C-alpha atoms as a PDB file:
ATOM      1  CA  UNK A   1      67.648  22.558  99.709  1.00  0.00           C
ATOM      2  CA  UNK A   2      68.647  18.724 100.782  1.00  0.00           C
ATOM      3  CA  UNK A   3      71.097  17.866  98.224  1.00  0.00           C
ATOM      4  CA  UNK A   4      70.006  14.681  96.269  1.00  0.00           C
ATOM      5  CA  UNK A   5      70.685  11.503  97.169  1.00  0.00           C
ATOM      6  CA  UNK A   6      73.624   9.187  95.628  1.00  0.00           C
ATOM      7  CA  UNK A   7      71.427   6.960  92.736  1.00  0.00           C
ATOM      8  CA  UNK A   8      71.076   3.401  94.156  1.00  0.00           C
ATOM      9  CA  UNK A   9      72.609   2.033  90.800  1.00  0.00           C
ATOM     10  CA  UNK A  10      75.897   3.546  91.954  1.00  0.00           C
ATOM     11  CA  UNK A  11      78.073   1.062  93.735  1.00  0.00           C
ATOM     12  CA  UNK A  12      79.651   1.705  96.960  1.00  0.00           C
ATOM     13  CA  UNK A  13      83.082   2.019  97.366  1.00  0.00           C
ATOM     14  CA  UNK A  14      84.036  -0.976  98.687  1.00  0.00           C
ATOM     15  CA  UNK A  15      82.597  -2.590  95.954  1.00  0.00           C
ATOM     16  CA  UNK A  16      84.814  -1.350  93.338  1.00  0.00           C
ATOM     17  CA  UNK A  17      87.479  -1.808  95.184  1.00  0.00           C
ATOM     18  CA  UNK A  18      86.851  -5.326  95.562  1.00  0.00           C
ATOM     19  CA  UNK A  19      85.877  -5.120  91.955  1.00  0.00           C
ATOM     20  CA  UNK A  20      89.771  -3.067  91.212  1.00  0.00           C
ATOM     21  CA  UNK A  21      91.302  -6.140  93.256  1.00  0.00           C
ATOM     22  CA  UNK A  22      89.709  -8.541  90.773  1.00  0.00           C
ATOM     23  CA  UNK A  23      90.726  -6.538  87.485  1.00  0.00           C
ATOM     24  CA  UNK A  24      94.366  -5.966  89.357  1.00  0.00           C
ATOM     25  CA  UNK A  25      94.377  -9.508  89.008  1.00  0.00           C
ATOM     26  CA  UNK A  26      93.291  -9.869  85.199  1.00  0.00           C
ATOM     27  CA  UNK A  27      95.755  -7.231  84.258  1.00  0.00           C
ATOM     28  CA  UNK A  28      98.819  -8.606  86.051  1.00  0.00           C
ATOM     29  CA  UNK A  29      98.123 -12.017  83.968  1.00  0.00           C
ATOM     30  CA  UNK A  30      97.393 -10.377  80.851  1.00  0.00           C
ATOM     31  CA  UNK A  31     100.549  -7.734  80.835  1.00  0.00           C
ATOM     32  CA  UNK A  32     103.083 -10.714  81.648  1.00  0.00           C
ATOM     33  CA  UNK A  33     102.008 -12.719  79.442  1.00  0.00           C
ATOM     34  CA  UNK A  34     102.693  -9.716  76.820  1.00  0.00           C
ATOM     35  CA  UNK A  35     105.722  -9.063  78.329  1.00  0.00           C
ATOM     36  CA  UNK A  36     106.449 -13.050  77.876  1.00  0.00           C
ATOM     37  CA  UNK A  37     105.682 -13.417  74.724  1.00  0.00           C
ATOM     38  CA  UNK A  38     107.507  -9.770  73.621  1.00  0.00           C
ATOM     39  CA  UNK A  39     110.471  -9.457  76.199  1.00  0.00           C
ATOM     40  CA  UNK A  40     109.535  -6.061  75.983  1.00  0.00           C
ATOM     41  CA  UNK A  41     111.099  -3.770  78.827  1.00  0.00           C
ATOM     42  CA  UNK A  42     108.234  -1.694  77.884  1.00  0.00           C
ATOM     43  CA  UNK A  43     105.475  -4.107  78.346  1.00  0.00           C
ATOM     44  CA  UNK A  44     107.548  -4.897  81.764  1.00  0.00           C
ATOM     45  CA  UNK A  45     107.537  -1.945  83.027  1.00  0.00           C
ATOM     46  CA  UNK A  46     103.682  -2.504  82.572  1.00  0.00           C
ATOM     47  CA  UNK A  47     103.358  -5.164  84.457  1.00  0.00           C
ATOM     48  CA  UNK A  48     105.328  -4.364  87.202  1.00  0.00           C
ATOM     49  CA  UNK A  49     102.706  -1.290  87.638  1.00  0.00           C
ATOM     50  CA  UNK A  50      99.804  -3.945  87.923  1.00  0.00           C
ATOM     51  CA  UNK A  51     101.287  -5.547  90.429  1.00  0.00           C
ATOM     52  CA  UNK A  52     101.247  -1.934  92.473  1.00  0.00           C
ATOM     53  CA  UNK A  53      97.604  -1.948  91.193  1.00  0.00           C
ATOM     54  CA  UNK A  54      96.822  -4.891  93.285  1.00  0.00           C
ATOM     55  CA  UNK A  55      98.689  -3.493  96.586  1.00  0.00           C
ATOM     56  CA  UNK A  56      96.790  -0.298  96.397  1.00  0.00           C
ATOM     57  CA  UNK A  57      93.582  -1.376  95.852  1.00  0.00           C
ATOM     58  CA  UNK A  58      93.735  -4.122  98.340  1.00  0.00           C
ATOM     59  CA  UNK A  59      95.061  -1.336 100.995  1.00  0.00           C
ATOM     60  CA  UNK A  60      92.432   1.205 100.038  1.00  0.00           C
ATOM     61  CA  UNK A  61      89.617  -1.589 100.358  1.00  0.00           C
ATOM     62  CA  UNK A  62      91.102  -1.435 104.405  1.00  0.00           C
ATOM     63  CA  UNK A  63      91.336   1.583 104.986  1.00  0.00           C
ATOM     64  CA  UNK A  64      87.727   1.923 103.624  1.00  0.00           C
ATOM     65  CA  UNK A  65      86.778  -0.809 105.683  1.00  0.00           C
ATOM     66  CA  UNK A  66      87.794   1.452 109.037  1.00  0.00           C
ATOM     67  CA  UNK A  67      86.788   4.795 107.793  1.00  0.00           C
ATOM     68  CA  UNK A  68      83.335   3.480 107.583  1.00  0.00           C
ATOM     69  CA  UNK A  69      83.624   2.243 111.386  1.00  0.00           C
ATOM     70  CA  UNK A  70      81.634   4.592 113.180  1.00  0.00           C
ATOM     71  CA  UNK A  71      83.340   6.928 115.737  1.00  0.00           C
ATOM     72  CA  UNK A  72      84.017   5.779 119.306  1.00  0.00           C
ATOM     73  CA  UNK A  73      85.756   6.773 122.812  1.00  0.00           C
ATOM     74  CA  UNK A  74      89.120   7.210 121.443  1.00  0.00           C
ATOM     75  CA  UNK A  75      88.319   8.738 117.991  1.00  0.00           C
ATOM     76  CA  UNK A  76      85.621  10.867 118.757  1.00  0.00           C
ATOM     77  CA  UNK A  77      85.061  12.423 115.534  1.00  0.00           C
ATOM     78  CA  UNK A  78      84.806   8.978 113.777  1.00  0.00           C
ATOM     79  CA  UNK A  79      87.653   7.185 111.553  1.00  0.00           C
ATOM     80  CA  UNK A  80      87.598   8.917 108.101  1.00  0.00           C
ATOM     81  CA  UNK A  81      91.068  10.447 108.029  1.00  0.00           C
ATOM     82  CA  UNK A  82      91.860   6.282 107.566  1.00  0.00           C
ATOM     83  CA  UNK A  83      91.007   6.895 103.321  1.00  0.00           C
ATOM     84  CA  UNK A  84      94.083   9.530 103.547  1.00  0.00           C
ATOM     85  CA  UNK A  85      96.304   6.810 104.374  1.00  0.00           C
ATOM     86  CA  UNK A  86      95.757   4.766 101.899  1.00  0.00           C
ATOM     87  CA  UNK A  87      96.471   7.594  98.599  1.00  0.00           C
ATOM     88  CA  UNK A  88      99.784   8.244 100.724  1.00  0.00           C
ATOM     89  CA  UNK A  89     100.349   4.536 100.578  1.00  0.00           C
ATOM     90  CA  UNK A  90      99.552   4.244  97.026  1.00  0.00           C
ATOM     91  CA  UNK A  91     101.187   6.905  96.081  1.00  0.00           C
ATOM     92  CA  UNK A  92     104.702   5.676  97.786  1.00  0.00           C
ATOM     93  CA  UNK A  93     104.032   2.269  96.032  1.00  0.00           C
ATOM     94  CA  UNK A  94     103.186   4.177  92.389  1.00  0.00           C
ATOM     95  CA  UNK A  95     107.241   6.136  93.113  1.00  0.00           C
ATOM     96  CA  UNK A  96     108.786   2.488  94.388  1.00  0.00           C
ATOM     97  CA  UNK A  97     107.289   1.071  91.266  1.00  0.00           C
ATOM     98  CA  UNK A  98     108.839   4.085  89.211  1.00  0.00           C
ATOM     99  CA  UNK A  99     112.394   3.355  90.625  1.00  0.00           C
ATOM    100  CA  UNK A 100     111.760  -0.127  89.448  1.00  0.00           C
ATOM    101  CA  UNK A 101     111.116   0.236  85.887  1.00  0.00           C
ATOM    102  CA  UNK A 102     114.020   2.814  85.492  1.00  0.00           C
ATOM    103  CA  UNK A 103     116.381   0.225  87.048  1.00  0.00           C
ATOM    104  CA  UNK A 104     115.077  -2.305  84.203  1.00  0.00           C
ATOM    105  CA  UNK A 105     114.849   0.148  81.695  1.00  0.00           C
ATOM    106  CA  UNK A 106     118.502   1.856  82.099  1.00  0.00           C
ATOM    107  CA  UNK A 107     120.128  -2.154  81.550  1.00  0.00           C
ATOM    108  CA  UNK A 108     117.989  -2.733  78.550  1.00  0.00           C
ATOM    109  CA  UNK A 109     119.145   0.969  77.216  1.00  0.00           C
ATOM    110  CA  UNK A 110     122.599  -0.199  77.413  1.00  0.00           C
ATOM    111  CA  UNK A 111     122.169  -3.746  75.985  1.00  0.00           C
ATOM    112  CA  UNK A 112     118.965  -3.500  73.657  1.00  0.00           C
ATOM    113  CA  UNK A 113     117.007  -7.085  72.361  1.00  0.00           C
ATOM    114  CA  UNK A 114     115.267  -7.849  69.821  1.00  0.00           C
ATOM    115  CA  UNK A 115     111.486  -7.961  70.360  1.00  0.00           C
ATOM    116  CA  UNK A 116     108.810 -10.808  69.901  1.00  0.00           C
ATOM    117  CA  UNK A 117     105.282 -11.559  68.737  1.00  0.00           C
ATOM    118  CA  UNK A 118     104.240  -8.156  68.868  1.00  0.00           C
ATOM    119  CA  UNK A 119     101.264  -8.586  67.611  1.00  0.00           C
ATOM    120  CA  UNK A 120     100.116 -10.647  70.617  1.00  0.00           C
ATOM    121  CA  UNK A 121     101.939  -8.732  72.778  1.00  0.00           C
ATOM    122  CA  UNK A 122      99.991  -5.387  71.939  1.00  0.00           C
ATOM    123  CA  UNK A 123      96.708  -7.152  71.869  1.00  0.00           C
ATOM    124  CA  UNK A 124      97.002  -8.000  75.511  1.00  0.00           C
ATOM    125  CA  UNK A 125      98.680  -4.750  76.616  1.00  0.00           C
ATOM    126  CA  UNK A 126      95.134  -2.425  75.063  1.00  0.00           C
ATOM    127  CA  UNK A 127      93.249  -5.557  76.323  1.00  0.00           C
ATOM    128  CA  UNK A 128      93.892  -4.660  80.043  1.00  0.00           C
ATOM    129  CA  UNK A 129      94.530  -1.059  79.302  1.00  0.00           C
ATOM    130  CA  UNK A 130      90.303  -1.137  77.942  1.00  0.00           C
ATOM    131  CA  UNK A 131      89.633  -3.126  81.111  1.00  0.00           C
ATOM    132  CA  UNK A 132      91.697  -0.252  83.822  1.00  0.00           C
ATOM    133  CA  UNK A 133      90.046   2.547  81.939  1.00  0.00           C
ATOM    134  CA  UNK A 134      86.333   1.337  81.892  1.00  0.00           C
ATOM    135  CA  UNK A 135      87.126   0.581  86.085  1.00  0.00           C
ATOM    136  CA  UNK A 136      88.739   4.376  86.832  1.00  0.00           C
ATOM    137  CA  UNK A 137      85.878   6.069  84.897  1.00  0.00           C
ATOM    138  CA  UNK A 138      83.222   4.438  87.106  1.00  0.00           C
ATOM    139  CA  UNK A 139      85.505   5.095  90.124  1.00  0.00           C
ATOM    140  CA  UNK A 140      86.084   8.609  89.777  1.00  0.00           C
ATOM    141  CA  UNK A 141      81.861   8.646  89.813  1.00  0.00           C
ATOM    142  CA  UNK A 142      81.545   6.609  92.440  1.00  0.00           C
ATOM    143  CA  UNK A 143      84.854   8.956  94.751  1.00  0.00           C
ATOM    144  CA  UNK A 144      82.395  12.139  93.451  1.00  0.00           C
ATOM    145  CA  UNK A 145      79.180  10.916  94.965  1.00  0.00           C
ATOM    146  CA  UNK A 146      80.621   9.293  97.917  1.00  0.00           C
ATOM    147  CA  UNK A 147      83.360  11.646  98.801  1.00  0.00           C
ATOM    148  CA  UNK A 148      86.204   9.291  99.062  1.00  0.00           C
ATOM    149  CA  UNK A 149      89.422   9.907  98.803  1.00  0.00           C
ATOM    150  CA  UNK A 150      91.136   6.300  98.644  1.00  0.00           C
ATOM    151  CA  UNK A 151      88.731   5.692  95.841  1.00  0.00           C
ATOM    152  CA  UNK A 152      89.785   8.768  93.740  1.00  0.00           C
ATOM    153  CA  UNK A 153      93.484   7.842  94.823  1.00  0.00           C
ATOM    154  CA  UNK A 154      92.740   4.387  93.157  1.00  0.00           C
ATOM    155  CA  UNK A 155      90.764   5.700  89.908  1.00  0.00           C
ATOM    156  CA  UNK A 156      94.197   8.018  89.201  1.00  0.00           C
ATOM    157  CA  UNK A 157      96.006   5.630  89.361  1.00  0.00           C
ATOM    158  CA  UNK A 158      94.103   3.746  86.774  1.00  0.00           C
ATOM    159  CA  UNK A 159      94.538   6.295  84.688  1.00  0.00           C
ATOM    160  CA  UNK A 160      97.995   6.494  85.057  1.00  0.00           C
ATOM    161  CA  UNK A 161      97.969   2.578  84.268  1.00  0.00           C
ATOM    162  CA  UNK A 162      96.258   3.396  81.412  1.00  0.00           C
ATOM    163  CA  UNK A 163      98.423   6.156  79.786  1.00  0.00           C
ATOM    164  CA  UNK A 164     101.171   4.061  80.530  1.00  0.00           C
ATOM    165  CA  UNK A 165     100.102   1.084  78.294  1.00  0.00           C
ATOM    166  CA  UNK A 166      99.125   4.036  75.713  1.00  0.00           C
ATOM    167  CA  UNK A 167     103.155   5.190  75.944  1.00  0.00           C
ATOM    168  CA  UNK A 168     103.984   1.536  76.126  1.00  0.00           C
ATOM    169  CA  UNK A 169     102.182   0.234  72.754  1.00  0.00           C
ATOM    170  CA  UNK A 170     103.505   3.407  70.865  1.00  0.00           C
ATOM    171  CA  UNK A 171     106.764   2.632  72.056  1.00  0.00           C
ATOM    172  CA  UNK A 172     106.753  -0.839  70.733  1.00  0.00           C
ATOM    173  CA  UNK A 173     105.198   0.528  67.831  1.00  0.00           C
ATOM    174  CA  UNK A 174     108.194   2.533  67.021  1.00  0.00           C
ATOM    175  CA  UNK A 175     110.340   0.096  67.171  1.00  0.00           C
ATOM    176  CA  UNK A 176     108.995  -2.285  64.872  1.00  0.00           C
ATOM    177  CA  UNK A 177     108.434   0.769  62.297  1.00  0.00           C
ATOM    178  CA  UNK A 178     112.142   1.848  62.661  1.00  0.00           C
ATOM    179  CA  UNK A 179     113.854  -0.805  63.728  1.00  0.00           C
ATOM    180  CA  UNK A 180     115.567   1.049  66.519  1.00  0.00           C
ATOM    181  CA  UNK A 181     115.538  -1.031  69.728  1.00  0.00           C
ATOM    182  CA  UNK A 182     116.390   1.395  72.190  1.00  0.00           C
ATOM    183  CA  UNK A 183     113.159   3.165  71.839  1.00  0.00           C
ATOM    184  CA  UNK A 184     111.346   0.144  74.304  1.00  0.00           C
ATOM    185  CA  UNK A 185     113.846   1.259  77.413  1.00  0.00           C
ATOM    186  CA  UNK A 186     113.264   4.812  76.402  1.00  0.00           C
ATOM    187  CA  UNK A 187     109.641   4.725  76.472  1.00  0.00           C
ATOM    188  CA  UNK A 188     110.058   2.454  79.489  1.00  0.00           C
ATOM    189  CA  UNK A 189     111.712   5.709  81.336  1.00  0.00           C
ATOM    190  CA  UNK A 190     109.435   7.918  80.218  1.00  0.00           C
ATOM    191  CA  UNK A 191     106.701   6.020  81.595  1.00  0.00           C
ATOM    192  CA  UNK A 192     108.654   5.956  84.705  1.00  0.00           C
ATOM    193  CA  UNK A 193     109.528   9.736  85.170  1.00  0.00           C
ATOM    194  CA  UNK A 194     105.131  10.023  84.308  1.00  0.00           C
ATOM    195  CA  UNK A 195     104.515   7.672  87.060  1.00  0.00           C
ATOM    196  CA  UNK A 196     106.600   9.682  89.204  1.00  0.00           C
ATOM    197  CA  UNK A 197     104.835  12.554  89.254  1.00  0.00           C
ATOM    198  CA  UNK A 198     101.566  11.022  89.386  1.00  0.00           C
ATOM    199  CA  UNK A 199     102.913   9.262  92.937  1.00  0.00           C
ATOM    200  CA  UNK A 200     104.057  12.725  94.074  1.00  0.00           C
ATOM    201  CA  UNK A 201     100.402  14.328  93.512  1.00  0.00           C
ATOM    202  CA  UNK A 202      98.877  11.643  95.271  1.00  0.00           C
ATOM    203  CA  UNK A 203     101.494  12.055  98.612  1.00  0.00           C
ATOM    204  CA  UNK A 204     100.793  15.702  98.416  1.00  0.00           C
ATOM    205  CA  UNK A 205      96.974  15.543  98.444  1.00  0.00           C
ATOM    206  CA  UNK A 206      97.578  12.608 101.063  1.00  0.00           C
ATOM    207  CA  UNK A 207      99.443  14.899 103.261  1.00  0.00           C
ATOM    208  CA  UNK A 208      97.296  18.641 103.290  1.00  0.00           C
ATOM    209  CA  UNK A 209      94.518  15.520 104.023  1.00  0.00           C
ATOM    210  CA  UNK A 210      96.321  14.943 107.270  1.00  0.00           C
ATOM    211  CA  UNK A 211      97.132  18.454 108.541  1.00  0.00           C
ATOM    212  CA  UNK A 212      93.080  19.291 108.598  1.00  0.00           C
ATOM    213  CA  UNK A 213      93.098  21.101 105.216  1.00  0.00           C
ATOM    214  CA  UNK A 214      90.097  23.760 105.076  1.00  0.00           C
ATOM    215  CA  UNK A 215      86.888  22.892 102.851  1.00  0.00           C
ATOM    216  CA  UNK A 216      86.623  23.804  98.964  1.00  0.00           C
ATOM    217  CA  UNK A 217      86.084  26.743  98.037  1.00  0.00           C
ATOM    218  CA  UNK A 218      83.124  26.083  96.476  1.00  0.00           C
ATOM    219  CA  UNK A 219      81.175  23.965  99.331  1.00  0.00           C
ATOM    220  CA  UNK A 220      82.912  27.168 101.651  1.00  0.00           C
ATOM    221  CA  UNK A 221      80.602  29.630  99.659  1.00  0.00           C
ATOM    222  CA  UNK A 222      77.523  27.093 100.125  1.00  0.00           C
ATOM    223  CA  UNK A 223      77.972  27.505 103.949  1.00  0.00           C
ATOM    224  CA  UNK A 224      78.803  31.415 103.963  1.00  0.00           C
ATOM    225  CA  UNK A 225      75.713  31.469 101.938  1.00  0.00           C
ATOM    226  CA  UNK A 226      72.856  29.582 104.498  1.00  0.00           C
ATOM    227  CA  UNK A 227      74.450  31.479 107.145  1.00  0.00           C
ATOM    228  CA  UNK A 228      73.885  34.794 105.255  1.00  0.00           C
ATOM    229  CA  UNK A 229      70.330  33.651 105.002  1.00  0.00           C
ATOM    230  CA  UNK A 230      69.748  33.727 108.504  1.00  0.00           C
ATOM    231  CA  UNK A 231      71.579  37.054 109.378  1.00  0.00           C
ATOM    232  CA  UNK A 232      69.406  39.813 110.575  1.00  0.00           C
ATOM    233  CA  UNK A 233      70.227  43.500 111.141  1.00  0.00           C
ATOM    234  CA  UNK A 234      67.758  46.363 112.359  1.00  0.00           C
ATOM    235  CA  UNK A 235      69.006  49.460 110.713  1.00  0.00           C
ATOM    236  CA  UNK A 236      72.956  49.356 111.560  1.00  0.00           C
ATOM    237  CA  UNK A 237      72.430  46.700 114.775  1.00  0.00           C
ATOM    238  CA  UNK A 238      73.355  43.298 113.975  1.00  0.00           C
ATOM    239  CA  UNK A 239      70.590  40.888 115.910  1.00  0.00           C
ATOM    240  CA  UNK A 240      72.195  37.996 114.739  1.00  0.00           C
ATOM    241  CA  UNK A 241      75.679  37.151 112.998  1.00  0.00           C
ATOM    242  CA  UNK A 242      78.054  34.969 112.489  1.00  0.00           C
ATOM    243  CA  UNK A 243      82.356  34.976 112.961  1.00  0.00           C
ATOM    244  CA  UNK A 244      85.195  32.943 113.589  1.00  0.00           C
ATOM    245  CA  UNK A 245      84.284  30.437 110.390  1.00  0.00           C
ATOM    246  CA  UNK A 246      86.929  27.553 110.779  1.00  0.00           C
ATOM    247  CA  UNK A 247      86.283  24.604 108.424  1.00  0.00           C
ATOM    248  CA  UNK A 248      88.050  21.304 107.638  1.00  0.00           C
ATOM    249  CA  UNK A 249      88.114  18.143 106.093  1.00  0.00           C
ATOM    250  CA  UNK A 250      88.415  14.407 107.400  1.00  0.00           C
ATOM    251  CA  UNK A 251      87.969  12.149 104.517  1.00  0.00           C
ATOM    252  CA  UNK A 252      84.018  11.902 103.685  1.00  0.00           C
ATOM    253  CA  UNK A 253      83.310  14.628 106.799  1.00  0.00           C
ATOM    254  CA  UNK A 254      83.553  18.129 106.599  1.00  0.00           C
ATOM    255  CA  UNK A 255      83.725  19.848 109.537  1.00  0.00           C
ATOM    256  CA  UNK A 256      82.756  23.864 110.455  1.00  0.00           C
ATOM    257  CA  UNK A 257      83.230  25.455 113.699  1.00  0.00           C
ATOM    258  CA  UNK A 258      81.411  28.764 113.847  1.00  0.00           C
ATOM    259  CA  UNK A 259      80.423  31.877 116.702  1.00  0.00           C
ATOM    260  CA  UNK A 260      76.713  32.977 116.013  1.00  0.00           C
ATOM    261  CA  UNK A 261      75.943  36.145 118.139  1.00  0.00           C
ATOM    262  CA  UNK A 262      72.330  37.466 119.685  1.00  0.00           C
ATOM    263  CA  UNK A 263      70.789  39.705 121.415  1.00  0.00           C
ATOM    264  CA  UNK A 264      71.385  39.006 125.750  1.00  0.00           C
ATOM    265  CA  UNK A 265      67.542  39.166 125.903  1.00  0.00           C
ATOM    266  CA  UNK A 266      66.532  36.575 124.089  1.00  0.00           C
ATOM    267  CA  UNK A 267      65.956  33.054 126.395  1.00  0.00           C
ATOM    268  CA  UNK A 268      68.541  30.138 126.600  1.00  0.00           C
ATOM    269  CA  UNK A 269      65.034  28.302 124.664  1.00  0.00           C
ATOM    270  CA  UNK A 270      65.040  30.891 121.958  1.00  0.00           C
ATOM    271  CA  UNK A 271      68.446  30.700 120.991  1.00  0.00           C
ATOM    272  CA  UNK A 272      68.954  27.185 120.916  1.00  0.00           C
ATOM    273  CA  UNK A 273      65.807  27.031 118.393  1.00  0.00           C
ATOM    274  CA  UNK A 274      67.526  29.289 115.870  1.00  0.00           C
ATOM    275  CA  UNK A 275      71.162  27.523 116.629  1.00  0.00           C
ATOM    276  CA  UNK A 276      69.104  24.259 115.787  1.00  0.00           C
ATOM    277  CA  UNK A 277      67.613  25.762 112.559  1.00  0.00           C
ATOM    278  CA  UNK A 278      71.096  27.216 111.441  1.00  0.00           C
ATOM    279  CA  UNK A 279      73.088  23.730 111.785  1.00  0.00           C
ATOM    280  CA  UNK A 280      70.005  21.539 109.931  1.00  0.00           C
ATOM    281  CA  UNK A 281      70.291  24.153 107.346  1.00  0.00           C
ATOM    282  CA  UNK A 282      74.070  23.530 107.043  1.00  0.00           C
ATOM    283  CA  UNK A 283      73.926  20.095 107.041  1.00  0.00           C
ATOM    284  CA  UNK A 284      71.461  20.182 104.155  1.00  0.00           C
ATOM    285  CA  UNK A 285      73.192  21.841 101.938  1.00  0.00           C
ATOM    286  CA  UNK A 286      76.965  20.551 102.210  1.00  0.00           C
ATOM    287  CA  UNK A 287      76.024  16.706 102.654  1.00  0.00           C
ATOM    288  CA  UNK A 288      78.668  15.243 105.089  1.00  0.00           C
ATOM    289  CA  UNK A 289      78.506  18.401 107.019  1.00  0.00           C
ATOM    290  CA  UNK A 290      78.950  18.272 110.823  1.00  0.00           C
ATOM    291  CA  UNK A 291      78.285  21.574 112.409  1.00  0.00           C
ATOM    292  CA  UNK A 292      79.115  22.591 115.704  1.00  0.00           C
ATOM    293  CA  UNK A 293      77.819  26.502 116.765  1.00  0.00           C
ATOM    294  CA  UNK A 294      78.646  28.578 119.651  1.00  0.00           C
ATOM    295  CA  UNK A 295      76.313  31.027 121.133  1.00  0.00           C
ATOM    296  CA  UNK A 296      77.457  34.313 122.084  1.00  0.00           C
ATOM    297  CA  UNK A 297      75.521  37.327 123.179  1.00  0.00           C
ATOM    298  CA  UNK A 298      75.848  39.970 120.798  1.00  0.00           C
ATOM    299  CA  UNK A 299      77.712  41.895 122.387  1.00  0.00           C
ATOM    300  CA  UNK A 300      80.238  39.537 123.788  1.00  0.00           C
ATOM    301  CA  UNK A 301      83.678  38.411 121.355  1.00  0.00           C
ATOM    302  CA  UNK A 302      85.213  35.461 121.726  1.00  0.00           C
ATOM    303  CA  UNK A 303      89.572  36.246 121.767  1.00  0.00           C
ATOM    304  CA  UNK A 304      91.886  33.685 120.001  1.00  0.00           C
ATOM    305  CA  UNK A 305      95.771  33.465 119.561  1.00  0.00           C
ATOM    306  CA  UNK A 306      96.766  34.186 123.470  1.00  0.00           C
ATOM    307  CA  UNK A 307     101.003  35.471 123.049  1.00  0.00           C
ATOM    308  CA  UNK A 308     101.038  31.979 125.696  1.00  0.00           C
ATOM    309  CA  UNK A 309      99.155  29.532 123.436  1.00  0.00           C
ATOM    310  CA  UNK A 310     101.582  30.485 120.611  1.00  0.00           C
ATOM    311  CA  UNK A 311     105.243  29.819 122.853  1.00  0.00           C
END
């Protein structure tokens, strides 16, 4: 059965990334103001990550725009992999921001400074965190519907930003309760280490996508289930069978290549009609799938991994 289309009310990746750019600007203003009134290095680290949010959203918007370009002579499979560059770039920026945070916090750890106007600083930090949280929730939903790696990466980064803000607020609250000024810098360093972890995860995801990673296990199961519906045997003899099933992901697109074996006595028209039905069933079962099926007689096997090709 064809998969239901995404709800019309669900924003497109480009729309949400434009919103992400706007929210990043707002949070930069709020968090920078919070740092200015409190002189908290924790809030400074939070503000620095918001600048990364802005750069990441702008780059993701560029890559999503490129990914939506149609296939051309130089890119016959489309431009979908551009989204992986966005994810990798965002991961690198996150790690860079974390290094800057650790550098600033290390200086403050050696020379703790009293914090000012904590009430206003906390209010501004919580408000900016709430904006990021709502946007991340919407982006995760849209990323699943549109199968957008760039959107998912930006949403994960926003979630990291939310947890960063939570950690900073807890740290500032601890400073206010205990009077231990070094806690502010210690929390900033802890936040930075968490950011490094998230950045590394995004870089890894991006590298796997660029190396033609196989489709997800549930998608492969759906492909195999669809093919099983066309496989046919007469006694112990296979009339229609499939083998050499190879899959890969490319941004929003998924690809499957396979061989379809059938009796050599069938006419080309009959074989092509069955292949067309299989292709249509596969693309209906898995949104965004492109199937390439090679027809072979039942008694013919294809040979791969020729030793000459492995040298």
